[in-house]
Amino acid sequence: MGIQDFIANEVKTNDVVLFMKGTPQFPQCGFSGQVVQILDYVGVDYKGINVLDDADLRQGIKDYSNWPTIPQLYIKGEFVGGCDIVREMFQSGELKSHLEGQGIAVKGAA
């Protein structure tokens, strides 16, 4: 399986996927850490994929989304954005609405 096939499979088989530096338990950059905090706060189940484990994956996700930075959040197969976009959506309430609109359970107060 090529890296693009791996990424496509992860995006399609998980409702919420975060390609990040580090893991949800131990983020390795501030931007990834912010997105983890937001997702944990809204209480959504998601899969974190550490791009630092594999240089091909780190470049592959940028090519896949045509987006130059990491982290990258995908919801129901759709690229949502990076840290700034996720933070803005969270602050406006749009992130919770978008998740719920996709049929994804959120547990948090946000």
C-alpha atoms as a PDB file:
ATOM      1  CA  MET A   1       0.000   0.000   0.000  1.00  0.00           C
ATOM      2  CA  GLY A   2       1.409   3.380  -1.015  1.00  0.00           C
ATOM      3  CA  ILE A   3       1.398   6.374   1.319  1.00  0.00           C
ATOM      4  CA  GLN A   4      -1.484   8.056  -0.532  1.00  0.00           C
ATOM      5  CA  ASP A   5      -3.541   4.849  -0.232  1.00  0.00           C
ATOM      6  CA  PHE A   6      -2.739   4.672   3.485  1.00  0.00           C
ATOM      7  CA  ILE A   7      -3.825   8.285   4.019  1.00  0.00           C
ATOM      8  CA  ALA A   8      -7.002   7.836   1.952  1.00  0.00           C
ATOM      9  CA  ASN A   9      -7.885   4.705   3.920  1.00  0.00           C
ATOM     10  CA  GLU A  10      -7.379   6.427   7.289  1.00  0.00           C
ATOM     11  CA  VAL A  11      -9.428   9.454   6.206  1.00  0.00           C
ATOM     12  CA  LYS A  12     -12.264   7.286   4.867  1.00  0.00           C
ATOM     13  CA  THR A  13     -12.436   4.713   7.681  1.00  0.00           C
ATOM     14  CA  ASN A  14     -12.308   7.084  10.673  1.00  0.00           C
ATOM     15  CA  ASP A  15     -14.967   9.730  11.324  1.00  0.00           C
ATOM     16  CA  VAL A  16     -12.430  12.182  12.767  1.00  0.00           C
ATOM     17  CA  VAL A  17      -8.697  11.963  12.020  1.00  0.00           C
ATOM     18  CA  LEU A  18      -5.955  14.342  13.098  1.00  0.00           C
ATOM     19  CA  PHE A  19      -2.628  14.113  11.306  1.00  0.00           C
ATOM     20  CA  MET A  20      -0.317  15.692  13.852  1.00  0.00           C
ATOM     21  CA  LYS A  21       3.197  15.975  15.202  1.00  0.00           C
ATOM     22  CA  GLY A  22       3.295  13.618  18.154  1.00  0.00           C
ATOM     23  CA  THR A  23       0.346  11.786  19.671  1.00  0.00           C
ATOM     24  CA  PRO A  24      -2.843  12.998  21.364  1.00  0.00           C
ATOM     25  CA  GLN A  25      -1.273  11.968  24.675  1.00  0.00           C
ATOM     26  CA  PHE A  26       2.044  13.700  23.901  1.00  0.00           C
ATOM     27  CA  PRO A  27       1.832  16.378  21.183  1.00  0.00           C
ATOM     28  CA  GLN A  28       5.243  17.374  19.798  1.00  0.00           C
ATOM     29  CA  CYS A  29       4.325  20.890  18.650  1.00  0.00           C
ATOM     30  CA  GLY A  30       2.177  23.696  19.974  1.00  0.00           C
ATOM     31  CA  PHE A  31      -0.203  23.761  17.016  1.00  0.00           C
ATOM     32  CA  SER A  32      -0.895  20.030  17.251  1.00  0.00           C
ATOM     33  CA  GLY A  33      -1.341  20.460  21.012  1.00  0.00           C
ATOM     34  CA  GLN A  34      -3.937  23.201  20.515  1.00  0.00           C
ATOM     35  CA  VAL A  35      -6.029  21.066  18.170  1.00  0.00           C
ATOM     36  CA  VAL A  36      -5.817  18.115  20.581  1.00  0.00           C
ATOM     37  CA  GLN A  37      -7.027  20.375  23.417  1.00  0.00           C
ATOM     38  CA  ILE A  38      -9.953  21.605  21.300  1.00  0.00           C
ATOM     39  CA  LEU A  39     -10.993  18.095  20.228  1.00  0.00           C
ATOM     40  CA  ASP A  40     -10.674  16.827  23.803  1.00  0.00           C
ATOM     41  CA  TYR A  41     -12.704  19.795  25.075  1.00  0.00           C
ATOM     42  CA  VAL A  42     -15.591  19.174  22.676  1.00  0.00           C
ATOM     43  CA  GLY A  43     -15.344  15.527  23.665  1.00  0.00           C
ATOM     44  CA  VAL A  44     -15.194  13.965  20.223  1.00  0.00           C
ATOM     45  CA  ASP A  45     -13.573  10.587  19.590  1.00  0.00           C
ATOM     46  CA  TYR A  46     -10.784  10.909  17.037  1.00  0.00           C
ATOM     47  CA  LYS A  47      -7.730   9.115  15.747  1.00  0.00           C
ATOM     48  CA  GLY A  48      -4.387  10.882  16.004  1.00  0.00           C
ATOM     49  CA  ILE A  49      -1.727   9.892  13.488  1.00  0.00           C
ATOM     50  CA  ASN A  50       1.854  10.898  14.253  1.00  0.00           C
ATOM     51  CA  VAL A  51       3.546  12.198  11.092  1.00  0.00           C
ATOM     52  CA  LEU A  52       6.912  12.347  12.864  1.00  0.00           C
ATOM     53  CA  ASP A  53       7.148   8.546  12.679  1.00  0.00           C
ATOM     54  CA  ASP A  54       7.470   8.567   8.886  1.00  0.00           C
ATOM     55  CA  ALA A  55       8.958  11.206   6.559  1.00  0.00           C
ATOM     56  CA  ASP A  56       6.932   9.832   3.626  1.00  0.00           C
ATOM     57  CA  LEU A  57       3.737  10.274   5.644  1.00  0.00           C
ATOM     58  CA  ARG A  58       4.755  13.796   6.703  1.00  0.00           C
ATOM     59  CA  GLN A  59       5.175  14.843   3.052  1.00  0.00           C
ATOM     60  CA  GLY A  60       2.354  12.609   1.824  1.00  0.00           C
ATOM     61  CA  ILE A  61      -0.330  14.295   3.925  1.00  0.00           C
ATOM     62  CA  LYS A  62       0.741  17.705   2.600  1.00  0.00           C
ATOM     63  CA  ASP A  63       0.450  16.391  -0.959  1.00  0.00           C
ATOM     64  CA  TYR A  64      -2.861  14.648  -0.218  1.00  0.00           C
ATOM     65  CA  SER A  65      -4.551  17.811   1.043  1.00  0.00           C
ATOM     66  CA  ASN A  66      -2.515  20.335  -0.939  1.00  0.00           C
ATOM     67  CA  TRP A  67      -2.062  22.060   2.430  1.00  0.00           C
ATOM     68  CA  PRO A  68       1.487  22.946   3.536  1.00  0.00           C
ATOM     69  CA  THR A  69       1.250  22.629   7.304  1.00  0.00           C
ATOM     70  CA  ILE A  70       0.531  20.081  10.024  1.00  0.00           C
ATOM     71  CA  PRO A  71      -1.715  19.446  11.955  1.00  0.00           C
ATOM     72  CA  GLN A  72      -4.513  18.603   9.539  1.00  0.00           C
ATOM     73  CA  LEU A  73      -8.014  17.664  10.669  1.00  0.00           C
ATOM     74  CA  TYR A  74     -10.374  15.498   8.625  1.00  0.00           C
ATOM     75  CA  ILE A  75     -14.046  14.956   9.476  1.00  0.00           C
ATOM     76  CA  LYS A  76     -15.993  12.259   7.595  1.00  0.00           C
ATOM     77  CA  GLY A  77     -13.381  12.169   4.850  1.00  0.00           C
ATOM     78  CA  GLU A  78     -13.349  15.948   4.371  1.00  0.00           C
ATOM     79  CA  PHE A  79     -10.290  18.121   5.019  1.00  0.00           C
ATOM     80  CA  VAL A  80     -11.336  20.760   7.541  1.00  0.00           C
ATOM     81  CA  GLY A  81      -8.087  22.637   8.069  1.00  0.00           C
ATOM     82  CA  GLY A  82      -5.142  23.260  10.323  1.00  0.00           C
ATOM     83  CA  CYS A  83      -4.770  24.795  13.756  1.00  0.00           C
ATOM     84  CA  ASP A  84      -5.953  28.336  12.936  1.00  0.00           C
ATOM     85  CA  ILE A  85      -9.071  27.152  11.099  1.00  0.00           C
ATOM     86  CA  VAL A  86      -9.964  24.604  13.788  1.00  0.00           C
ATOM     87  CA  ARG A  87      -9.457  27.239  16.517  1.00  0.00           C
ATOM     88  CA  GLU A  88     -11.661  29.768  14.695  1.00  0.00           C
ATOM     89  CA  MET A  89     -14.361  27.142  14.117  1.00  0.00           C
ATOM     90  CA  PHE A  90     -14.189  26.160  17.795  1.00  0.00           C
ATOM     91  CA  GLN A  91     -14.445  29.751  19.044  1.00  0.00           C
ATOM     92  CA  SER A  92     -17.428  30.507  16.801  1.00  0.00           C
ATOM     93  CA  GLY A  93     -19.229  27.272  17.712  1.00  0.00           C
ATOM     94  CA  GLU A  94     -19.002  26.125  14.094  1.00  0.00           C
ATOM     95  CA  LEU A  95     -16.814  23.101  14.935  1.00  0.00           C
ATOM     96  CA  LYS A  96     -19.386  21.572  17.285  1.00  0.00           C
ATOM     97  CA  SER A  97     -22.191  22.277  14.794  1.00  0.00           C
ATOM     98  CA  HIS A  98     -20.177  20.755  11.959  1.00  0.00           C
ATOM     99  CA  LEU A  99     -19.426  17.608  13.962  1.00  0.00           C
ATOM    100  CA  GLU A 100     -23.055  17.213  15.024  1.00  0.00           C
ATOM    101  CA  GLY A 101     -24.214  17.920  11.472  1.00  0.00           C
ATOM    102  CA  GLN A 102     -22.037  15.016  10.321  1.00  0.00           C
ATOM    103  CA  GLY A 103     -23.680  12.761  12.912  1.00  0.00           C
ATOM    104  CA  ILE A 104     -20.651  12.662  15.195  1.00  0.00           C
ATOM    105  CA  ALA A 105     -21.324  12.610  18.932  1.00  0.00           C
ATOM    106  CA  VAL A 106     -19.783  15.396  20.979  1.00  0.00           C
ATOM    107  CA  LYS A 107     -19.714  15.222  24.758  1.00  0.00           C
ATOM    108  CA  GLY A 108     -18.308  18.602  25.756  1.00  0.00           C
ATOM    109  CA  ALA A 109     -19.926  21.843  26.754  1.00  0.00           C
ATOM    110  CA  ALA A 110     -18.524  23.838  23.844  1.00  0.00           C
END
